[in-house]
């Protein structure tokens, strides 16, 4: 009978597993995006600076960056499903703790626990790779990637409504039961075979490498956060950068000596994978610079901002999220027609146009919405194309390691984005008559958008060079 066809049953099981995994991504991204409209509230409630507020996003990303390769290794040892469940439990506890946060330190601790949830993404990508044949992998990856933006849309709209009605604590409580429910569904319906170990030997976790990497990232971000004080003679930033460089050298030395490195440096230096990774790092930086900037710009009082509320933030950013959702979901169609390299190059060019557009036209909310929509097309194409280059061209025997490195680098980029935006907002401030508090000036926003635009130019050059290299190789091989 047709219903007993094992191919149909296997296909149905794969799509059901994909739907559940997409649900996990939706919840995780909802939990991330819902806090964006509340950034000005955090600044007010905890009496912190704009620069310090960037750690509300960065702490989340740093935790994810450090935990991603560790979770990937653990999933190879104990199984993807088991580690994915553990990650979801830690994330759920972090979400619950966020609802009770009454200080910045408490909130940051909760955000670090939530950041562990980011390490689900390479595991989830690995599950998708395991359950789908190669000819359907691009489509499955596009659908999974689109859920990142789908969760962002839901988080932006629902988060703004919940914050305006019940306060920001309620946003965390709204996520907790959904996360627990999805974890229970995953227990029942997702089945993934445990990877057979070579010679029965389990790879070891590179604990020293993980510690060195975390120290490197944290010191670098601390250097970024103190950068604006150099003009006043404070050299703490240079001390942090020097410490980060030393820690990076120690990390590289450790990775060359261990049998099971946290990051395979040979993969990292590949002539194709390295430019693709740099492109998606730039996408991460640019995206989270926007995430950090727009809420503050909208809610700052006129004439330095628009004097809007959380609902205004949602309406301005909604086109960015919706377009990202639609474009990412359709990426499988685009990939089959234009190819990974051409799509990546097209995305970087569109992104560059969008960032120069918002640099020039950001005097009204409608202008910002339009330029954000253009930027979202570019970022979506760049991310999907660049990530698919890595997914498809990584050597099969090290595909999991390569994927983990790429996700790690994306998270580092996403950690840098808010820090760079917060740095400019702290450096360039201005007061308003009859108001004691100072706010980011127009120059701060110009510097943020200019930096993102110049980074996009770099990504476009890399993408075009990659495209040209692959075209030349194809022509040479056909002669």
Protein backbone atom coordinates (compact mmCIF):
# COMPACT_ATOMS: atom_id res chain seq x y z
CA UNK A 1 0.00 0.00 0.00
CA UNK A 2 1.21 3.58 -0.63
CA UNK A 3 1.01 4.35 3.06
CA UNK A 4 3.50 1.56 3.75
CA UNK A 5 6.14 2.80 1.29
CA UNK A 6 9.32 3.19 3.42
CA UNK A 7 10.50 6.04 1.18
CA UNK A 8 7.32 7.99 1.86
CA UNK A 9 7.50 7.18 5.56
CA UNK A 10 11.13 8.26 5.73
CA UNK A 11 10.35 11.46 3.83
CA UNK A 12 7.41 12.25 6.12
CA UNK A 13 9.56 11.63 9.18
CA UNK A 14 12.27 13.94 7.81
CA UNK A 15 9.83 16.79 7.15
CA UNK A 16 8.23 16.32 10.59
CA UNK A 17 11.67 16.47 12.21
CA UNK A 18 12.46 19.59 10.19
CA UNK A 19 9.21 21.20 11.36
CA UNK A 20 10.08 20.51 15.00
CA UNK A 21 13.63 21.82 14.58
CA UNK A 22 12.24 24.92 12.88
CA UNK A 23 9.98 25.36 15.90
CA UNK A 24 13.02 25.36 18.17
CA UNK A 25 14.68 28.01 15.98
CA UNK A 26 11.49 30.11 16.01
CA UNK A 27 11.35 30.05 19.80
CA UNK A 28 15.05 30.83 20.19
CA UNK A 29 14.95 33.78 17.79
CA UNK A 30 11.69 35.00 19.30
CA UNK A 31 13.39 34.98 22.69
CA UNK A 32 16.28 37.00 21.22
CA UNK A 33 14.30 39.58 19.24
CA UNK A 34 11.64 40.28 21.87
CA UNK A 35 14.20 42.14 24.03
CA UNK A 36 15.20 44.59 21.28
CA UNK A 37 12.36 47.10 21.83
CA UNK A 38 13.16 47.02 25.57
CA UNK A 39 16.80 48.15 25.26
CA UNK A 40 15.92 51.76 26.22
CA UNK A 41 13.94 50.36 29.19
CA UNK A 42 16.97 48.36 30.35
CA UNK A 43 19.09 51.52 30.12
CA UNK A 44 16.56 53.41 32.25
CA UNK A 45 15.67 50.67 34.77
CA UNK A 46 19.26 49.63 35.47
CA UNK A 47 20.74 53.13 35.06
CA UNK A 48 23.40 51.99 32.57
CA UNK A 49 25.13 53.63 29.60
CA UNK A 50 24.36 52.97 25.95
CA UNK A 51 27.71 51.27 25.64
CA UNK A 52 27.03 49.00 28.62
CA UNK A 53 23.61 48.11 27.20
CA UNK A 54 25.34 46.40 24.26
CA UNK A 55 26.33 43.60 26.67
CA UNK A 56 22.67 42.58 26.93
CA UNK A 57 23.05 41.32 23.35
CA UNK A 58 26.79 40.58 23.39
CA UNK A 59 26.74 38.39 26.52
CA UNK A 60 24.14 36.20 24.81
CA UNK A 61 26.28 35.91 21.68
CA UNK A 62 29.56 35.30 23.54
CA UNK A 63 28.01 32.40 25.47
CA UNK A 64 26.73 30.96 22.21
CA UNK A 65 30.10 31.43 20.50
CA UNK A 66 31.96 29.57 23.24
CA UNK A 67 29.39 26.79 23.66
CA UNK A 68 28.79 26.08 19.95
CA UNK A 69 31.93 23.99 19.24
CA UNK A 70 31.70 22.32 22.66
CA UNK A 71 28.08 21.31 22.10
CA UNK A 72 29.03 20.05 18.64
CA UNK A 73 31.71 17.78 20.09
CA UNK A 74 29.36 16.55 22.82
CA UNK A 75 26.72 15.74 20.20
CA UNK A 76 29.26 13.52 18.41
CA UNK A 77 29.96 11.66 21.64
CA UNK A 78 26.50 11.36 23.20
CA UNK A 79 24.19 11.89 20.22
CA UNK A 80 22.63 14.98 18.63
CA UNK A 81 19.17 14.54 20.13
CA UNK A 82 20.39 14.11 23.71
CA UNK A 83 22.66 17.17 23.64
CA UNK A 84 19.99 19.22 21.86
CA UNK A 85 17.60 18.45 24.73
CA UNK A 86 20.20 19.44 27.33
CA UNK A 87 20.83 22.70 25.50
CA UNK A 88 17.10 23.44 25.37
CA UNK A 89 16.74 22.83 29.11
CA UNK A 90 19.56 25.26 29.92
CA UNK A 91 18.04 27.80 27.54
CA UNK A 92 14.61 27.39 29.16
CA UNK A 93 16.04 27.96 32.64
CA UNK A 94 17.79 31.09 31.36
CA UNK A 95 14.52 32.39 29.92
CA UNK A 96 12.72 31.77 33.21
CA UNK A 97 15.50 33.52 35.15
CA UNK A 98 15.29 36.53 32.81
CA UNK A 99 11.71 37.09 33.89
CA UNK A 100 12.83 37.52 37.50
CA UNK A 101 15.86 39.75 36.74
CA UNK A 102 16.01 42.81 39.00
CA UNK A 103 19.57 43.97 38.23
CA UNK A 104 21.92 44.12 35.27
CA UNK A 105 24.16 41.38 36.68
CA UNK A 106 21.15 39.08 37.17
CA UNK A 107 19.93 39.81 33.65
CA UNK A 108 23.37 39.19 32.12
CA UNK A 109 23.63 35.85 33.95
CA UNK A 110 20.24 34.88 32.54
CA UNK A 111 21.28 36.04 29.07
CA UNK A 112 24.43 33.89 29.26
CA UNK A 113 22.27 30.83 30.02
CA UNK A 114 20.00 31.78 27.12
CA UNK A 115 23.08 32.11 24.91
CA UNK A 116 23.83 28.45 25.46
CA UNK A 117 20.68 27.86 23.40
CA UNK A 118 22.44 29.23 20.33
CA UNK A 119 24.63 26.14 20.31
CA UNK A 120 21.55 24.21 19.13
CA UNK A 121 22.00 25.62 15.61
CA UNK A 122 25.00 23.58 14.39
CA UNK A 123 23.45 20.49 15.99
CA UNK A 124 20.15 21.23 14.22
CA UNK A 125 21.96 21.80 10.90
CA UNK A 126 23.70 18.48 11.46
CA UNK A 127 20.36 16.75 11.98
CA UNK A 128 19.03 18.32 8.78
CA UNK A 129 22.11 17.09 6.93
CA UNK A 130 21.60 13.59 8.35
CA UNK A 131 17.89 13.21 7.50
CA UNK A 132 17.73 14.83 4.05
CA UNK A 133 19.27 13.62 0.79
CA UNK A 134 21.76 15.95 -0.87
CA UNK A 135 19.31 17.02 -3.59
CA UNK A 136 16.87 18.35 -0.97
CA UNK A 137 19.45 19.73 1.43
CA UNK A 138 19.49 23.24 -0.05
CA UNK A 139 15.70 23.53 0.21
CA UNK A 140 15.68 22.19 3.78
CA UNK A 141 18.47 24.57 4.77
CA UNK A 142 16.59 27.52 3.25
CA UNK A 143 13.44 26.65 5.18
CA UNK A 144 15.37 26.23 8.43
CA UNK A 145 17.25 29.50 7.90
CA UNK A 146 13.98 31.35 7.21
CA UNK A 147 12.72 30.40 10.66
CA UNK A 148 15.44 32.60 12.17
CA UNK A 149 13.77 35.61 10.59
CA UNK A 150 10.28 34.22 11.24
CA UNK A 151 11.07 34.09 14.94
CA UNK A 152 12.44 37.61 14.69
CA UNK A 153 9.19 38.88 13.16
CA UNK A 154 7.10 37.23 15.86
CA UNK A 155 9.45 38.42 18.61
CA UNK A 156 9.45 41.98 17.34
CA UNK A 157 5.65 42.24 17.12
CA UNK A 158 4.71 40.19 20.16
CA UNK A 159 7.58 41.57 22.21
CA UNK A 160 6.58 45.18 21.51
CA UNK A 161 2.97 44.46 22.44
CA UNK A 162 3.86 42.58 25.63
CA UNK A 163 6.39 45.23 26.72
CA UNK A 164 3.95 48.10 26.15
CA UNK A 165 1.16 46.29 28.03
CA UNK A 166 2.82 44.21 30.74
CA UNK A 167 6.49 45.29 30.86
CA UNK A 168 9.67 43.60 29.67
CA UNK A 169 9.69 40.91 32.41
CA UNK A 170 6.59 39.38 30.86
CA UNK A 171 8.35 38.74 27.54
CA UNK A 172 10.59 36.15 29.17
CA UNK A 173 7.68 34.43 30.89
CA UNK A 174 5.88 34.17 27.53
CA UNK A 175 8.68 32.04 26.04
CA UNK A 176 9.24 29.54 28.84
CA UNK A 177 6.17 27.26 28.43
CA UNK A 178 6.60 27.16 24.64
CA UNK A 179 10.23 26.09 24.94
CA UNK A 180 9.34 23.32 27.40
CA UNK A 181 6.50 22.12 25.15
CA UNK A 182 8.74 21.92 22.11
CA UNK A 183 11.39 19.99 24.03
CA UNK A 184 8.75 17.40 24.98
CA UNK A 185 7.62 17.12 21.35
CA UNK A 186 11.23 16.62 20.29
CA UNK A 187 11.62 13.74 22.75
CA UNK A 188 8.71 11.95 21.12
CA UNK A 189 9.14 12.58 17.41
CA UNK A 190 12.80 13.21 16.52
CA UNK A 191 14.97 10.15 16.00
CA UNK A 192 18.61 10.50 14.97
CA UNK A 193 21.16 7.71 14.91
CA UNK A 194 24.23 8.13 17.06
CA UNK A 195 27.39 8.56 15.00
CA UNK A 196 29.63 5.51 15.04
CA UNK A 197 32.98 6.35 16.63
CA UNK A 198 36.23 5.48 14.89
CA UNK A 199 37.91 2.48 16.62
CA UNK A 200 35.41 2.93 19.45
CA UNK A 201 37.26 6.03 20.68
CA UNK A 202 35.37 9.12 21.79
CA UNK A 203 36.82 12.53 20.83
CA UNK A 204 37.82 14.59 23.84
CA UNK A 205 36.55 18.05 24.63
CA UNK A 206 39.27 20.65 24.22
CA UNK A 207 38.61 22.43 27.52
CA UNK A 208 41.79 24.51 27.41
CA UNK A 209 40.98 25.61 23.88
CA UNK A 210 37.46 26.60 24.91
CA UNK A 211 38.79 28.66 27.82
CA UNK A 212 41.40 30.37 25.62
CA UNK A 213 38.77 31.15 22.98
CA UNK A 214 36.34 32.61 25.52
CA UNK A 215 39.09 34.78 27.03
CA UNK A 216 40.07 35.98 23.54
CA UNK A 217 36.52 37.00 22.61
CA UNK A 218 35.73 38.65 25.95
CA UNK A 219 38.97 40.66 26.04
CA UNK A 220 38.45 41.81 22.46
CA UNK A 221 34.91 42.99 23.19
CA UNK A 222 36.10 44.73 26.34
CA UNK A 223 38.65 46.53 24.19
CA UNK A 224 35.86 47.62 21.85
CA UNK A 225 33.77 48.85 24.79
CA UNK A 226 36.61 51.07 26.07
CA UNK A 227 37.68 52.31 22.65
CA UNK A 228 35.85 55.64 22.88
CA UNK A 229 37.88 56.58 26.02
CA UNK A 230 41.21 56.68 24.16
CA UNK A 231 40.56 60.31 23.18
CA UNK A 232 40.55 61.23 26.89
CA UNK A 233 43.87 59.44 27.53
CA UNK A 234 42.43 56.17 28.87
CA UNK A 235 44.48 53.33 27.36
CA UNK A 236 42.50 50.43 28.87
CA UNK A 237 41.23 49.57 25.40
CA UNK A 238 44.77 48.92 24.14
CA UNK A 239 45.49 46.74 27.17
CA UNK A 240 42.42 44.60 26.43
CA UNK A 241 43.34 44.33 22.74
CA UNK A 242 46.88 43.27 23.64
CA UNK A 243 45.54 40.68 26.07
CA UNK A 244 43.16 39.39 23.39
CA UNK A 245 46.05 39.06 20.91
CA UNK A 246 48.12 37.09 23.42
CA UNK A 247 45.15 34.85 24.24
CA UNK A 248 44.55 34.28 20.51
CA UNK A 249 48.18 33.22 20.06
CA UNK A 250 47.86 30.81 23.00
CA UNK A 251 44.62 29.45 21.52
CA UNK A 252 46.27 28.84 18.12
CA UNK A 253 49.21 27.10 19.81
CA UNK A 254 46.89 24.85 21.83
CA UNK A 255 44.80 23.93 18.79
CA UNK A 256 47.90 22.76 16.88
CA UNK A 257 48.95 20.43 19.70
CA UNK A 258 45.72 18.62 20.59
CA UNK A 259 44.41 15.56 18.76
CA UNK A 260 40.83 16.84 18.75
CA UNK A 261 41.02 20.65 18.42
CA UNK A 262 38.08 22.88 19.17
CA UNK A 263 38.72 24.71 15.88
CA UNK A 264 40.53 23.07 12.96
CA UNK A 265 42.88 25.81 11.78
CA UNK A 266 43.48 24.06 8.43
CA UNK A 267 39.79 24.31 7.57
CA UNK A 268 39.75 27.91 8.74
CA UNK A 269 42.47 28.85 6.22
CA UNK A 270 40.93 27.11 3.18
CA UNK A 271 40.99 29.36 0.08
CA UNK A 272 37.23 28.98 -0.50
CA UNK A 273 35.93 28.55 3.04
CA UNK A 274 37.92 31.45 4.53
CA UNK A 275 36.39 34.19 2.31
CA UNK A 276 32.93 32.62 2.75
CA UNK A 277 33.37 32.70 6.53
CA UNK A 278 34.53 36.33 6.44
CA UNK A 279 31.41 37.22 4.45
CA UNK A 280 29.04 35.68 6.98
CA UNK A 281 31.01 37.31 9.83
CA UNK A 282 30.35 40.68 8.17
CA UNK A 283 26.67 39.75 7.82
CA UNK A 284 26.57 39.03 11.55
CA UNK A 285 28.26 42.31 12.47
CA UNK A 286 26.05 44.39 10.16
CA UNK A 287 22.80 42.73 11.23
CA UNK A 288 23.38 43.22 14.94
CA UNK A 289 24.64 46.76 14.50
CA UNK A 290 21.18 47.46 13.07
CA UNK A 291 19.48 45.51 15.88
CA UNK A 292 21.27 47.61 18.49
CA UNK A 293 20.84 50.98 16.73
CA UNK A 294 17.26 51.24 15.47
CA UNK A 295 15.44 50.88 18.84
CA UNK A 296 17.59 53.62 20.40
CA UNK A 297 17.20 55.91 17.40
CA UNK A 298 13.41 55.50 17.38
CA UNK A 299 12.92 56.03 21.11
CA UNK A 300 15.37 58.90 21.61
CA UNK A 301 13.53 62.25 21.87
CA UNK A 302 13.45 64.66 18.94
CA UNK A 303 15.48 66.17 17.37
CA UNK A 304 18.09 63.47 18.07
CA UNK A 305 15.57 60.69 17.53
CA UNK A 306 11.94 60.16 16.64
CA UNK A 307 10.44 60.08 20.15
CA UNK A 308 8.58 56.85 19.40
CA UNK A 309 7.58 53.91 21.58
CA UNK A 310 8.03 50.15 21.39
CA UNK A 311 5.18 49.83 18.89
CA UNK A 312 6.91 52.35 16.62
CA UNK A 313 10.11 50.30 16.81
CA UNK A 314 8.20 47.21 15.72
CA UNK A 315 6.56 48.99 12.79
CA UNK A 316 9.85 50.44 11.53
CA UNK A 317 11.76 47.15 11.77
CA UNK A 318 8.93 44.93 10.56
CA UNK A 319 9.76 45.27 6.81
CA UNK A 320 13.33 44.17 7.56
CA UNK A 321 12.11 41.03 9.32
CA UNK A 322 9.34 40.14 6.85
CA UNK A 323 11.51 40.57 3.77
CA UNK A 324 14.26 38.50 5.43
CA UNK A 325 11.72 35.76 6.16
CA UNK A 326 10.38 35.66 2.59
CA UNK A 327 13.76 35.90 0.87
CA UNK A 328 15.35 33.22 3.08
CA UNK A 329 12.41 30.87 2.57
CA UNK A 330 12.74 31.30 -1.21
CA UNK A 331 16.51 30.85 -1.15
CA UNK A 332 16.28 27.21 -2.26
CA UNK A 333 14.62 28.38 -5.48
CA UNK A 334 17.28 31.05 -6.06
CA UNK A 335 20.17 28.70 -5.28
CA UNK A 336 19.09 26.18 -7.92
CA UNK A 337 19.00 28.90 -10.60
CA UNK A 338 21.91 31.21 -9.90
CA UNK A 339 24.21 29.10 -7.72
CA UNK A 340 25.79 29.73 -4.33
CA UNK A 341 28.60 32.03 -5.45
CA UNK A 342 26.48 34.26 -7.67
CA UNK A 343 23.76 34.54 -5.01
CA UNK A 344 26.35 35.49 -2.38
CA UNK A 345 27.87 38.13 -4.67
CA UNK A 346 24.43 39.53 -5.49
CA UNK A 347 23.56 39.68 -1.79
CA UNK A 348 26.70 41.55 -0.81
CA UNK A 349 26.12 44.12 -3.58
CA UNK A 350 22.50 44.68 -2.55
CA UNK A 351 23.55 44.94 1.09
CA UNK A 352 26.16 47.56 0.21
CA UNK A 353 23.56 49.59 -1.69
CA UNK A 354 21.18 49.32 1.28
CA UNK A 355 23.70 50.50 3.88
CA UNK A 356 24.82 53.44 1.78
CA UNK A 357 21.10 54.14 1.32
CA UNK A 358 20.38 54.26 5.04
CA UNK A 359 23.53 56.35 5.55
CA UNK A 360 22.07 58.91 3.13
CA UNK A 361 18.36 58.57 3.90
CA UNK A 362 17.48 58.11 7.58
CA UNK A 363 15.66 61.34 8.39
CA UNK A 364 12.20 59.76 8.52
CA UNK A 365 10.80 56.49 9.80
CA UNK A 366 9.50 55.52 6.35
CA UNK A 367 12.94 56.05 4.79
CA UNK A 368 14.50 53.83 7.43
CA UNK A 369 11.92 51.10 6.81
CA UNK A 370 12.52 51.14 3.05
CA UNK A 371 16.30 51.03 3.34
CA UNK A 372 16.09 48.31 5.98
CA UNK A 373 14.01 46.22 3.57
CA UNK A 374 16.73 46.60 0.92
CA UNK A 375 19.40 45.70 3.45
CA UNK A 376 17.44 42.60 4.50
CA UNK A 377 17.43 41.27 0.91
CA UNK A 378 21.20 41.66 0.71
CA UNK A 379 21.89 40.15 4.13
CA UNK A 380 19.56 37.19 3.47
CA UNK A 381 21.14 36.37 0.10
CA UNK A 382 24.64 36.79 1.54
CA UNK A 383 23.96 34.59 4.56
CA UNK A 384 22.14 31.79 2.75
CA UNK A 385 24.57 31.76 -0.18
CA UNK A 386 27.69 32.00 1.99
CA UNK A 387 26.52 29.40 4.46
CA UNK A 388 25.53 27.01 1.66
CA UNK A 389 29.02 27.37 0.15
CA UNK A 390 30.43 26.16 3.45
CA UNK A 391 27.80 23.46 3.85
CA UNK A 392 28.29 22.02 0.36
CA UNK A 393 32.04 22.45 -0.16
CA UNK A 394 33.37 21.35 3.22
CA UNK A 395 35.11 17.95 2.98
CA UNK A 396 32.66 15.25 4.05
CA UNK A 397 34.90 13.84 6.78
CA UNK A 398 35.20 17.24 8.50
CA UNK A 399 31.84 18.74 7.52
CA UNK A 400 30.63 18.88 11.11
CA UNK A 401 33.76 20.64 12.31
CA UNK A 402 33.62 23.12 9.43
CA UNK A 403 29.96 23.85 10.15
CA UNK A 404 30.72 24.43 13.82
CA UNK A 405 33.52 26.86 12.94
CA UNK A 406 31.21 28.83 10.65
CA UNK A 407 28.48 29.13 13.27
CA UNK A 408 31.11 30.12 15.83
CA UNK A 409 32.41 32.90 13.55
CA UNK A 410 28.89 34.15 12.84
CA UNK A 411 28.29 34.42 16.57
CA UNK A 412 31.55 36.31 17.07
CA UNK A 413 30.40 38.73 14.37
CA UNK A 414 27.00 39.08 16.02
CA UNK A 415 28.75 39.78 19.32
CA UNK A 416 30.86 42.52 17.74
CA UNK A 417 27.90 44.26 16.09
CA UNK A 418 26.22 45.60 19.26
CA UNK A 419 29.59 46.53 20.76
CA UNK A 420 30.57 48.59 17.73
CA UNK A 421 27.16 50.31 17.65
CA UNK A 422 27.27 50.95 21.41
CA UNK A 423 30.78 52.37 21.09
CA UNK A 424 29.67 54.97 18.56
CA UNK A 425 26.54 55.82 20.58
CA UNK A 426 28.69 56.43 23.64
CA UNK A 427 31.38 58.38 21.79
CA UNK A 428 29.05 60.81 20.01
CA UNK A 429 26.43 62.17 22.40
CA UNK A 430 24.46 65.40 22.63
CA UNK A 431 22.14 67.07 25.10
CA UNK A 432 18.68 68.50 24.42
CA UNK A 433 17.51 71.80 25.98
CA UNK A 434 15.60 71.32 29.27
CA UNK A 435 16.73 67.67 29.50
CA UNK A 436 19.59 66.64 31.79
CA UNK A 437 20.31 63.36 30.01
CA UNK A 438 22.40 63.17 26.85
CA UNK A 439 21.52 61.00 23.85
CA UNK A 440 23.38 59.59 20.81
CA UNK A 441 23.85 62.34 18.24
CA UNK A 442 23.24 62.27 14.50
CA UNK A 443 26.97 61.71 14.03
CA UNK A 444 26.81 58.44 15.97
CA UNK A 445 24.22 57.02 13.59
CA UNK A 446 26.17 58.22 10.57
CA UNK A 447 29.29 56.48 11.86
CA UNK A 448 27.36 53.26 12.49
CA UNK A 449 25.80 53.19 9.03
CA UNK A 450 29.08 54.18 7.35
CA UNK A 451 30.96 51.40 9.14
CA UNK A 452 28.33 48.85 8.06
CA UNK A 453 28.49 50.16 4.47
CA UNK A 454 32.29 49.90 4.31
CA UNK A 455 32.17 46.38 5.74
CA UNK A 456 29.64 45.48 3.05
CA UNK A 457 32.04 46.78 0.39
CA UNK A 458 34.68 44.38 1.74
CA UNK A 459 32.20 41.47 1.63
CA UNK A 460 31.21 42.36 -1.96
CA UNK A 461 34.86 42.36 -3.07
CA UNK A 462 35.40 38.94 -1.46
CA UNK A 463 32.21 37.50 -2.95
CA UNK A 464 33.01 38.75 -6.45
CA UNK A 465 36.54 37.36 -6.17
CA UNK A 466 35.13 33.97 -5.12
CA UNK A 467 32.65 33.99 -8.00
CA UNK A 468 35.40 34.90 -10.48
CA UNK A 469 37.68 32.17 -9.10
CA UNK A 470 35.01 29.48 -9.45
CA UNK A 471 34.12 30.63 -12.97
CA UNK A 472 37.78 30.51 -13.99
CA UNK A 473 38.16 27.03 -12.47
CA UNK A 474 35.05 25.82 -14.30
CA UNK A 475 36.26 27.16 -17.63
CA UNK A 476 39.74 25.68 -17.13
CA UNK A 477 38.36 22.24 -16.24
CA UNK A 478 36.12 22.20 -19.31
CA UNK A 479 38.95 22.98 -21.74
